[in-house]
């Protein structure tokens, strides 16, 4: 039996709550079309499917596991970012993608779906501990010293 630290247990509980929240969607609109705060119907939910729905329960090193949200069936496990990294920020799902932002300020974009596919990465060049936010077609990343708005 593995022993989890308080931080690991809290992280897993937060992730489970987020997965339950995402899987209880009521809107039929794509996750990429959120024209207002909390989504198209103001409910803060999405019907996006095929998303990686579980973060590794034993590490914060960016290892992804994808489960079928309805059946619990394992789709894939062991998906990794290309460089060693530690993650404090929560993964963020939008427009068929998952953003993973490391403490080093590197953001990795992974395609949401049944196959682990890294779409790209970028860095803000400073530590990042907060989860990215998505609004008005932009990705907002709060670094240690700066706030970045990426997009149109």
N, C-alpha and C. Protein backbone atom coordinates (compact mmCIF):
# COMPACT_ATOMS: atom_id res chain seq x y z
N UNK A 1 0.84 -1.17 0.00
CA UNK A 1 0.00 0.00 0.00
C UNK A 1 0.89 1.24 0.00
N UNK A 2 0.55 2.21 -0.82
CA UNK A 2 1.33 3.44 -0.89
C UNK A 2 0.82 4.43 0.14
N UNK A 3 1.74 5.23 0.66
CA UNK A 3 1.38 6.28 1.60
C UNK A 3 1.46 7.60 0.86
N UNK A 4 0.40 8.39 0.90
CA UNK A 4 0.34 9.67 0.21
C UNK A 4 0.59 10.80 1.20
N UNK A 5 1.23 11.84 0.73
CA UNK A 5 1.40 13.02 1.56
C UNK A 5 0.08 13.78 1.59
N UNK A 6 -0.06 14.74 2.52
CA UNK A 6 -1.29 15.54 2.57
C UNK A 6 -1.52 16.27 1.26
N UNK A 7 -0.44 16.80 0.68
CA UNK A 7 -0.57 17.53 -0.58
C UNK A 7 -1.07 16.61 -1.69
N UNK A 8 -0.55 15.39 -1.76
CA UNK A 8 -0.97 14.45 -2.79
C UNK A 8 -2.44 14.09 -2.63
N UNK A 9 -2.87 13.82 -1.40
CA UNK A 9 -4.27 13.47 -1.15
C UNK A 9 -5.17 14.64 -1.50
N UNK A 10 -4.81 15.84 -1.10
CA UNK A 10 -5.62 17.02 -1.43
C UNK A 10 -5.69 17.21 -2.94
N UNK A 11 -4.58 17.00 -3.61
CA UNK A 11 -4.55 17.15 -5.07
C UNK A 11 -5.47 16.12 -5.73
N UNK A 12 -5.42 14.88 -5.28
CA UNK A 12 -6.26 13.83 -5.84
C UNK A 12 -7.73 14.14 -5.58
N UNK A 13 -8.07 14.59 -4.37
CA UNK A 13 -9.45 14.93 -4.05
C UNK A 13 -9.93 16.07 -4.95
N UNK A 14 -9.09 17.08 -5.15
CA UNK A 14 -9.45 18.18 -6.05
C UNK A 14 -9.67 17.68 -7.47
N UNK A 15 -8.81 16.79 -7.92
CA UNK A 15 -8.95 16.25 -9.27
C UNK A 15 -10.22 15.43 -9.41
N UNK A 16 -10.53 14.60 -8.42
CA UNK A 16 -11.75 13.80 -8.47
C UNK A 16 -12.97 14.71 -8.51
N UNK A 17 -12.96 15.79 -7.72
CA UNK A 17 -14.08 16.74 -7.74
C UNK A 17 -14.21 17.38 -9.12
N UNK A 18 -13.08 17.73 -9.72
CA UNK A 18 -13.11 18.34 -11.05
C UNK A 18 -13.65 17.36 -12.08
N UNK A 19 -13.24 16.10 -11.99
CA UNK A 19 -13.71 15.08 -12.93
C UNK A 19 -15.22 14.87 -12.76
N UNK A 20 -15.68 14.79 -11.51
CA UNK A 20 -17.12 14.63 -11.28
C UNK A 20 -17.87 15.82 -11.83
N UNK A 21 -17.33 17.00 -11.64
CA UNK A 21 -17.94 18.22 -12.15
C UNK A 21 -18.04 18.17 -13.67
N UNK A 22 -16.94 17.81 -14.34
CA UNK A 22 -16.94 17.75 -15.80
C UNK A 22 -17.83 16.66 -16.33
N UNK A 23 -17.93 15.53 -15.62
CA UNK A 23 -18.73 14.42 -16.12
C UNK A 23 -20.22 14.61 -15.86
N UNK A 24 -20.61 15.62 -15.09
CA UNK A 24 -22.03 15.86 -14.83
C UNK A 24 -22.56 16.99 -15.69
N UNK A 25 -22.07 17.07 -16.91
CA UNK A 25 -22.43 18.17 -17.79
C UNK A 25 -23.88 18.12 -18.23
N UNK A 26 -24.42 19.31 -18.56
CA UNK A 26 -25.79 19.37 -19.05
C UNK A 26 -25.90 20.16 -20.34
N UNK A 27 -24.84 20.80 -20.78
CA UNK A 27 -24.87 21.58 -22.01
C UNK A 27 -24.40 20.74 -23.18
N UNK A 28 -25.01 20.91 -24.34
CA UNK A 28 -24.58 20.17 -25.52
C UNK A 28 -23.61 20.96 -26.38
N UNK A 29 -23.24 22.15 -25.95
CA UNK A 29 -22.33 23.00 -26.69
C UNK A 29 -20.90 22.54 -26.48
N UNK A 30 -20.06 22.67 -27.49
CA UNK A 30 -18.66 22.30 -27.42
C UNK A 30 -17.95 23.10 -26.34
N UNK A 31 -16.97 22.46 -25.70
CA UNK A 31 -16.21 23.15 -24.65
C UNK A 31 -15.48 24.36 -25.20
N UNK A 32 -15.21 24.38 -26.50
CA UNK A 32 -14.51 25.49 -27.10
C UNK A 32 -15.39 26.72 -27.28
N UNK A 33 -16.70 26.59 -27.12
CA UNK A 33 -17.61 27.70 -27.35
C UNK A 33 -18.20 28.16 -26.01
N UNK A 34 -17.47 28.94 -25.28
CA UNK A 34 -17.92 29.47 -24.00
C UNK A 34 -18.00 30.98 -24.12
N UNK A 35 -19.09 31.51 -24.63
CA UNK A 35 -19.20 32.93 -24.91
C UNK A 35 -19.40 33.80 -23.68
N UNK A 36 -19.59 33.22 -22.53
CA UNK A 36 -19.83 34.00 -21.31
C UNK A 36 -19.23 33.27 -20.11
N UNK A 37 -19.19 33.96 -18.99
CA UNK A 37 -18.68 33.36 -17.76
C UNK A 37 -19.47 32.11 -17.44
N UNK A 38 -18.82 31.03 -17.10
CA UNK A 38 -19.40 29.74 -16.73
C UNK A 38 -20.11 29.05 -17.89
N UNK A 39 -19.73 29.39 -19.14
CA UNK A 39 -20.19 28.64 -20.29
C UNK A 39 -21.46 29.13 -20.95
N UNK A 40 -21.87 28.45 -22.01
CA UNK A 40 -22.98 28.90 -22.82
C UNK A 40 -24.30 29.02 -22.06
N UNK A 41 -24.51 28.16 -21.07
CA UNK A 41 -25.75 28.22 -20.31
C UNK A 41 -25.53 28.72 -18.88
N UNK A 42 -24.35 29.24 -18.61
CA UNK A 42 -24.06 29.77 -17.27
C UNK A 42 -23.91 28.71 -16.20
N UNK A 43 -23.72 27.45 -16.60
CA UNK A 43 -23.65 26.35 -15.64
C UNK A 43 -22.22 25.93 -15.29
N UNK A 44 -21.23 26.38 -16.07
CA UNK A 44 -19.85 26.01 -15.81
C UNK A 44 -19.54 24.56 -16.11
N UNK A 45 -20.29 23.96 -17.05
CA UNK A 45 -20.08 22.56 -17.40
C UNK A 45 -19.92 22.40 -18.90
N UNK A 46 -19.36 21.28 -19.30
CA UNK A 46 -19.09 20.99 -20.71
C UNK A 46 -19.42 19.54 -21.01
N UNK A 47 -19.82 19.26 -22.24
CA UNK A 47 -20.07 17.89 -22.68
C UNK A 47 -18.87 17.33 -23.45
N UNK A 48 -17.74 17.98 -23.38
CA UNK A 48 -16.54 17.50 -24.06
C UNK A 48 -16.28 16.05 -23.67
N UNK A 49 -15.90 15.21 -24.62
CA UNK A 49 -15.67 13.79 -24.35
C UNK A 49 -14.22 13.42 -24.64
N UNK A 50 -13.80 12.29 -24.11
CA UNK A 50 -12.48 11.77 -24.38
C UNK A 50 -11.35 12.50 -23.67
N UNK A 51 -11.67 13.29 -22.66
CA UNK A 51 -10.63 14.05 -21.96
C UNK A 51 -9.87 13.15 -21.00
N UNK A 52 -8.57 13.37 -20.84
CA UNK A 52 -7.88 12.69 -19.74
C UNK A 52 -8.54 13.14 -18.44
N UNK A 53 -9.04 12.19 -17.69
CA UNK A 53 -9.84 12.55 -16.52
C UNK A 53 -9.17 12.17 -15.20
N UNK A 54 -7.91 11.77 -15.23
CA UNK A 54 -7.25 11.44 -13.98
C UNK A 54 -5.79 11.83 -14.05
N UNK A 55 -5.34 12.54 -13.07
CA UNK A 55 -3.95 12.90 -12.92
C UNK A 55 -3.33 11.85 -12.01
N UNK A 56 -2.07 11.52 -12.20
CA UNK A 56 -1.45 10.48 -11.39
C UNK A 56 -1.64 10.76 -9.91
N UNK A 57 -2.08 9.76 -9.18
CA UNK A 57 -2.33 9.91 -7.75
C UNK A 57 -1.06 9.83 -6.93
N UNK A 58 0.05 9.45 -7.54
CA UNK A 58 1.26 9.23 -6.76
C UNK A 58 2.38 10.22 -7.05
N UNK A 59 2.18 11.12 -8.00
CA UNK A 59 3.25 12.04 -8.34
C UNK A 59 2.71 13.34 -8.91
N UNK A 60 3.49 14.39 -8.82
CA UNK A 60 3.12 15.66 -9.46
C UNK A 60 4.11 15.94 -10.59
N UNK A 61 4.57 14.91 -11.25
CA UNK A 61 5.60 15.01 -12.28
C UNK A 61 5.04 15.03 -13.70
N UNK A 62 3.74 15.20 -13.87
CA UNK A 62 3.18 15.34 -15.21
C UNK A 62 2.92 14.04 -15.94
N UNK A 63 2.56 13.00 -15.20
CA UNK A 63 2.23 11.73 -15.83
C UNK A 63 0.71 11.66 -15.96
N UNK A 64 0.23 11.46 -17.20
CA UNK A 64 -1.21 11.44 -17.46
C UNK A 64 -1.75 10.03 -17.57
N UNK A 65 -2.95 9.86 -17.04
CA UNK A 65 -3.72 8.63 -17.21
C UNK A 65 -5.08 9.03 -17.74
N UNK A 66 -5.56 8.36 -18.76
CA UNK A 66 -6.87 8.67 -19.35
C UNK A 66 -7.81 7.51 -19.09
N UNK A 67 -8.96 7.82 -18.48
CA UNK A 67 -9.99 6.83 -18.21
C UNK A 67 -11.27 7.22 -18.93
N UNK A 68 -12.08 6.24 -19.28
CA UNK A 68 -13.41 6.51 -19.79
C UNK A 68 -14.25 6.96 -18.61
N UNK A 69 -14.80 8.18 -18.66
CA UNK A 69 -15.52 8.74 -17.52
C UNK A 69 -16.78 7.96 -17.19
N UNK A 70 -17.40 7.33 -18.17
CA UNK A 70 -18.63 6.57 -17.92
C UNK A 70 -18.37 5.19 -17.34
N UNK A 71 -17.34 4.50 -17.86
CA UNK A 71 -17.11 3.11 -17.48
C UNK A 71 -15.95 2.92 -16.51
N UNK A 72 -15.07 3.90 -16.43
CA UNK A 72 -13.87 3.75 -15.61
C UNK A 72 -12.78 2.96 -16.30
N UNK A 73 -13.03 2.54 -17.54
CA UNK A 73 -12.07 1.75 -18.30
C UNK A 73 -10.81 2.56 -18.59
N UNK A 74 -9.66 1.92 -18.42
CA UNK A 74 -8.38 2.56 -18.72
C UNK A 74 -8.23 2.72 -20.22
N UNK A 75 -7.98 3.95 -20.68
CA UNK A 75 -7.75 4.23 -22.09
C UNK A 75 -6.25 4.26 -22.37
N UNK A 76 -5.51 5.03 -21.58
CA UNK A 76 -4.05 4.98 -21.64
C UNK A 76 -3.49 5.46 -20.31
N UNK A 77 -2.25 5.09 -20.06
CA UNK A 77 -1.56 5.59 -18.88
C UNK A 77 -0.09 5.79 -19.22
N UNK A 78 0.55 6.65 -18.46
CA UNK A 78 1.97 6.89 -18.66
C UNK A 78 2.30 7.97 -19.66
N UNK A 79 1.28 8.74 -20.12
CA UNK A 79 1.56 9.86 -21.01
C UNK A 79 2.40 10.89 -20.26
N UNK A 80 3.45 11.39 -20.86
CA UNK A 80 4.37 12.31 -20.17
C UNK A 80 4.64 13.56 -21.00
N UNK A 81 5.04 14.61 -20.30
CA UNK A 81 5.56 15.79 -20.99
C UNK A 81 7.01 15.47 -21.35
N UNK A 82 7.59 16.18 -22.34
CA UNK A 82 8.91 15.77 -22.87
C UNK A 82 10.11 16.09 -21.98
N UNK A 83 9.93 16.89 -20.94
CA UNK A 83 11.07 17.21 -20.06
C UNK A 83 10.66 16.98 -18.61
N UNK A 84 11.61 16.72 -17.72
CA UNK A 84 11.27 16.56 -16.31
C UNK A 84 10.66 17.87 -15.77
N UNK A 85 9.54 17.76 -15.07
CA UNK A 85 8.87 18.95 -14.56
C UNK A 85 8.01 18.59 -13.36
N UNK A 86 7.80 19.57 -12.50
CA UNK A 86 6.92 19.44 -11.35
C UNK A 86 5.73 20.36 -11.58
N UNK A 87 4.53 19.89 -11.20
CA UNK A 87 3.30 20.64 -11.45
C UNK A 87 2.57 20.93 -10.16
N UNK A 88 2.29 22.22 -9.94
CA UNK A 88 1.43 22.66 -8.84
C UNK A 88 0.08 23.07 -9.41
N UNK A 89 0.08 23.70 -10.58
CA UNK A 89 -1.15 24.16 -11.24
C UNK A 89 -1.98 22.95 -11.69
N UNK A 90 -3.29 23.10 -11.63
CA UNK A 90 -4.19 22.06 -12.13
C UNK A 90 -4.20 22.06 -13.65
N UNK A 91 -4.41 20.89 -14.25
CA UNK A 91 -4.58 20.86 -15.70
C UNK A 91 -5.86 21.61 -16.07
N UNK A 92 -5.86 22.24 -17.23
CA UNK A 92 -7.02 23.00 -17.70
C UNK A 92 -7.44 22.46 -19.06
N UNK A 93 -8.73 22.14 -19.22
CA UNK A 93 -9.26 21.62 -20.48
C UNK A 93 -10.01 22.71 -21.22
N UNK A 94 -9.76 22.81 -22.53
CA UNK A 94 -10.51 23.74 -23.38
C UNK A 94 -10.32 23.35 -24.83
N UNK A 95 -11.36 23.54 -25.63
CA UNK A 95 -11.28 23.41 -27.08
C UNK A 95 -10.57 22.12 -27.53
N UNK A 96 -10.87 21.01 -26.87
CA UNK A 96 -10.27 19.74 -27.26
C UNK A 96 -8.82 19.58 -26.87
N UNK A 97 -8.35 20.41 -25.96
CA UNK A 97 -6.95 20.37 -25.53
C UNK A 97 -6.87 20.39 -24.00
N UNK A 98 -5.73 19.94 -23.48
CA UNK A 98 -5.43 20.01 -22.05
C UNK A 98 -4.15 20.82 -21.91
N UNK A 99 -4.18 21.85 -21.05
CA UNK A 99 -2.98 22.63 -20.76
C UNK A 99 -2.39 22.16 -19.44
N UNK A 100 -1.10 21.91 -19.43
CA UNK A 100 -0.37 21.51 -18.23
C UNK A 100 0.74 22.53 -18.03
N UNK A 101 0.69 23.29 -16.94
CA UNK A 101 1.69 24.34 -16.71
C UNK A 101 2.56 23.95 -15.52
N UNK A 102 3.87 23.86 -15.77
CA UNK A 102 4.82 23.42 -14.74
C UNK A 102 5.25 24.59 -13.86
N UNK A 103 5.85 24.25 -12.73
CA UNK A 103 6.39 25.26 -11.82
C UNK A 103 7.51 26.07 -12.47
N UNK A 104 8.14 25.53 -13.49
CA UNK A 104 9.21 26.25 -14.20
C UNK A 104 8.67 27.27 -15.19
N UNK A 105 7.34 27.29 -15.39
CA UNK A 105 6.73 28.23 -16.31
C UNK A 105 6.54 27.69 -17.72
N UNK A 106 6.76 26.39 -17.89
CA UNK A 106 6.53 25.76 -19.19
C UNK A 106 5.09 25.27 -19.26
N UNK A 107 4.40 25.58 -20.37
CA UNK A 107 3.04 25.09 -20.58
C UNK A 107 3.06 24.11 -21.74
N UNK A 108 2.50 22.93 -21.50
CA UNK A 108 2.43 21.87 -22.49
C UNK A 108 0.97 21.71 -22.91
N UNK A 109 0.74 21.59 -24.21
CA UNK A 109 -0.61 21.42 -24.73
C UNK A 109 -0.73 19.99 -25.25
N UNK A 110 -1.68 19.25 -24.69
CA UNK A 110 -1.90 17.85 -25.05
C UNK A 110 -3.30 17.75 -25.66
N UNK A 111 -3.44 16.97 -26.73
CA UNK A 111 -4.75 16.77 -27.33
C UNK A 111 -5.60 15.94 -26.36
N UNK A 112 -6.82 16.39 -26.10
CA UNK A 112 -7.74 15.63 -25.28
C UNK A 112 -8.30 14.49 -26.12
N UNK A 113 -8.16 13.29 -25.67
CA UNK A 113 -8.67 12.16 -26.43
C UNK A 113 -8.03 10.85 -26.02
N UNK A 114 -8.33 9.80 -26.77
CA UNK A 114 -7.91 8.46 -26.37
C UNK A 114 -6.44 8.13 -26.62
N UNK A 115 -5.69 9.06 -27.21
CA UNK A 115 -4.26 8.83 -27.48
C UNK A 115 -3.48 10.02 -26.93
N UNK A 116 -2.39 9.76 -26.22
CA UNK A 116 -1.55 10.84 -25.70
C UNK A 116 -0.81 11.47 -26.87
N UNK A 117 -1.07 12.76 -27.10
CA UNK A 117 -0.42 13.48 -28.21
C UNK A 117 -0.06 14.89 -27.76
N UNK A 118 1.23 15.17 -27.66
CA UNK A 118 1.70 16.51 -27.32
C UNK A 118 1.59 17.40 -28.55
N UNK A 119 0.84 18.49 -28.44
CA UNK A 119 0.64 19.40 -29.57
C UNK A 119 1.67 20.52 -29.61
N UNK A 120 2.23 20.87 -28.46
CA UNK A 120 3.21 21.94 -28.43
C UNK A 120 3.51 22.36 -27.01
N UNK A 121 4.45 23.28 -26.88
CA UNK A 121 4.80 23.81 -25.56
C UNK A 121 5.37 25.21 -25.73
N UNK A 122 5.39 25.93 -24.63
CA UNK A 122 5.94 27.28 -24.60
C UNK A 122 6.31 27.60 -23.17
N UNK A 123 7.04 28.66 -22.96
CA UNK A 123 7.44 29.04 -21.62
C UNK A 123 7.26 30.54 -21.41
N UNK A 124 6.99 30.92 -20.17
CA UNK A 124 6.94 32.34 -19.83
C UNK A 124 8.24 32.78 -19.16
N UNK A 125 9.14 31.85 -18.92
CA UNK A 125 10.46 32.19 -18.41
C UNK A 125 10.52 32.59 -16.95
N UNK A 126 9.49 32.24 -16.20
CA UNK A 126 9.49 32.51 -14.75
C UNK A 126 8.62 31.46 -14.07
N UNK A 127 8.79 31.26 -12.77
CA UNK A 127 7.99 30.25 -12.07
C UNK A 127 6.49 30.55 -12.15
N UNK A 128 5.71 29.46 -12.26
CA UNK A 128 4.25 29.55 -12.29
C UNK A 128 3.71 28.50 -11.32
N UNK A 129 2.84 28.93 -10.41
CA UNK A 129 2.23 28.01 -9.45
C UNK A 129 0.70 28.00 -9.56
N UNK A 130 0.13 28.98 -10.27
CA UNK A 130 -1.32 29.09 -10.42
C UNK A 130 -1.77 28.38 -11.69
N UNK A 131 -3.00 27.89 -11.67
CA UNK A 131 -3.59 27.26 -12.86
C UNK A 131 -3.90 28.32 -13.90
N UNK A 132 -3.70 28.01 -15.18
CA UNK A 132 -4.09 28.96 -16.23
C UNK A 132 -5.60 29.20 -16.20
N UNK A 133 -6.02 30.35 -16.69
CA UNK A 133 -7.43 30.68 -16.82
C UNK A 133 -7.72 30.95 -18.29
N UNK A 134 -8.92 30.61 -18.74
CA UNK A 134 -9.33 30.81 -20.12
C UNK A 134 -10.49 31.79 -20.13
N UNK A 135 -10.39 32.87 -20.92
CA UNK A 135 -11.48 33.85 -21.03
C UNK A 135 -11.31 34.66 -22.30
N UNK A 136 -12.42 34.94 -22.97
CA UNK A 136 -12.43 35.80 -24.15
C UNK A 136 -11.40 35.40 -25.20
N UNK A 137 -11.24 34.10 -25.42
CA UNK A 137 -10.30 33.62 -26.43
C UNK A 137 -8.85 33.73 -26.04
N UNK A 138 -8.58 33.98 -24.78
CA UNK A 138 -7.20 34.12 -24.30
C UNK A 138 -6.91 33.12 -23.19
N UNK A 139 -5.64 32.79 -23.08
CA UNK A 139 -5.15 31.99 -21.96
C UNK A 139 -4.40 32.96 -21.06
N UNK A 140 -4.78 33.01 -19.79
CA UNK A 140 -4.11 33.88 -18.82
C UNK A 140 -3.24 33.02 -17.92
N UNK A 141 -1.96 33.38 -17.83
CA UNK A 141 -1.02 32.67 -16.98
C UNK A 141 -0.39 33.67 -16.03
N UNK A 142 -0.51 33.40 -14.73
CA UNK A 142 0.08 34.28 -13.72
C UNK A 142 1.41 33.69 -13.29
N UNK A 143 2.47 34.36 -13.70
CA UNK A 143 3.81 33.97 -13.29
C UNK A 143 4.13 34.56 -11.92
N UNK A 144 5.32 34.30 -11.46
CA UNK A 144 5.75 34.82 -10.16
C UNK A 144 5.73 36.35 -10.14
N UNK A 145 6.04 36.99 -11.28
CA UNK A 145 6.14 38.44 -11.32
C UNK A 145 5.23 39.11 -12.34
N UNK A 146 4.65 38.35 -13.27
CA UNK A 146 3.89 38.94 -14.36
C UNK A 146 2.61 38.15 -14.63
N UNK A 147 1.66 38.83 -15.26
CA UNK A 147 0.45 38.20 -15.75
C UNK A 147 0.49 38.22 -17.27
N UNK A 148 0.35 37.05 -17.90
CA UNK A 148 0.43 36.95 -19.35
C UNK A 148 -0.96 36.66 -19.92
N UNK A 149 -1.32 37.38 -20.99
CA UNK A 149 -2.55 37.11 -21.74
C UNK A 149 -2.11 36.66 -23.12
N UNK A 150 -2.42 35.42 -23.46
CA UNK A 150 -1.97 34.83 -24.71
C UNK A 150 -3.20 34.57 -25.59
N UNK A 151 -3.21 35.13 -26.78
CA UNK A 151 -4.33 34.94 -27.69
C UNK A 151 -4.69 36.24 -28.38
N UNK A 152 -5.85 36.24 -29.00
CA UNK A 152 -6.31 37.41 -29.76
C UNK A 152 -6.91 38.46 -28.86
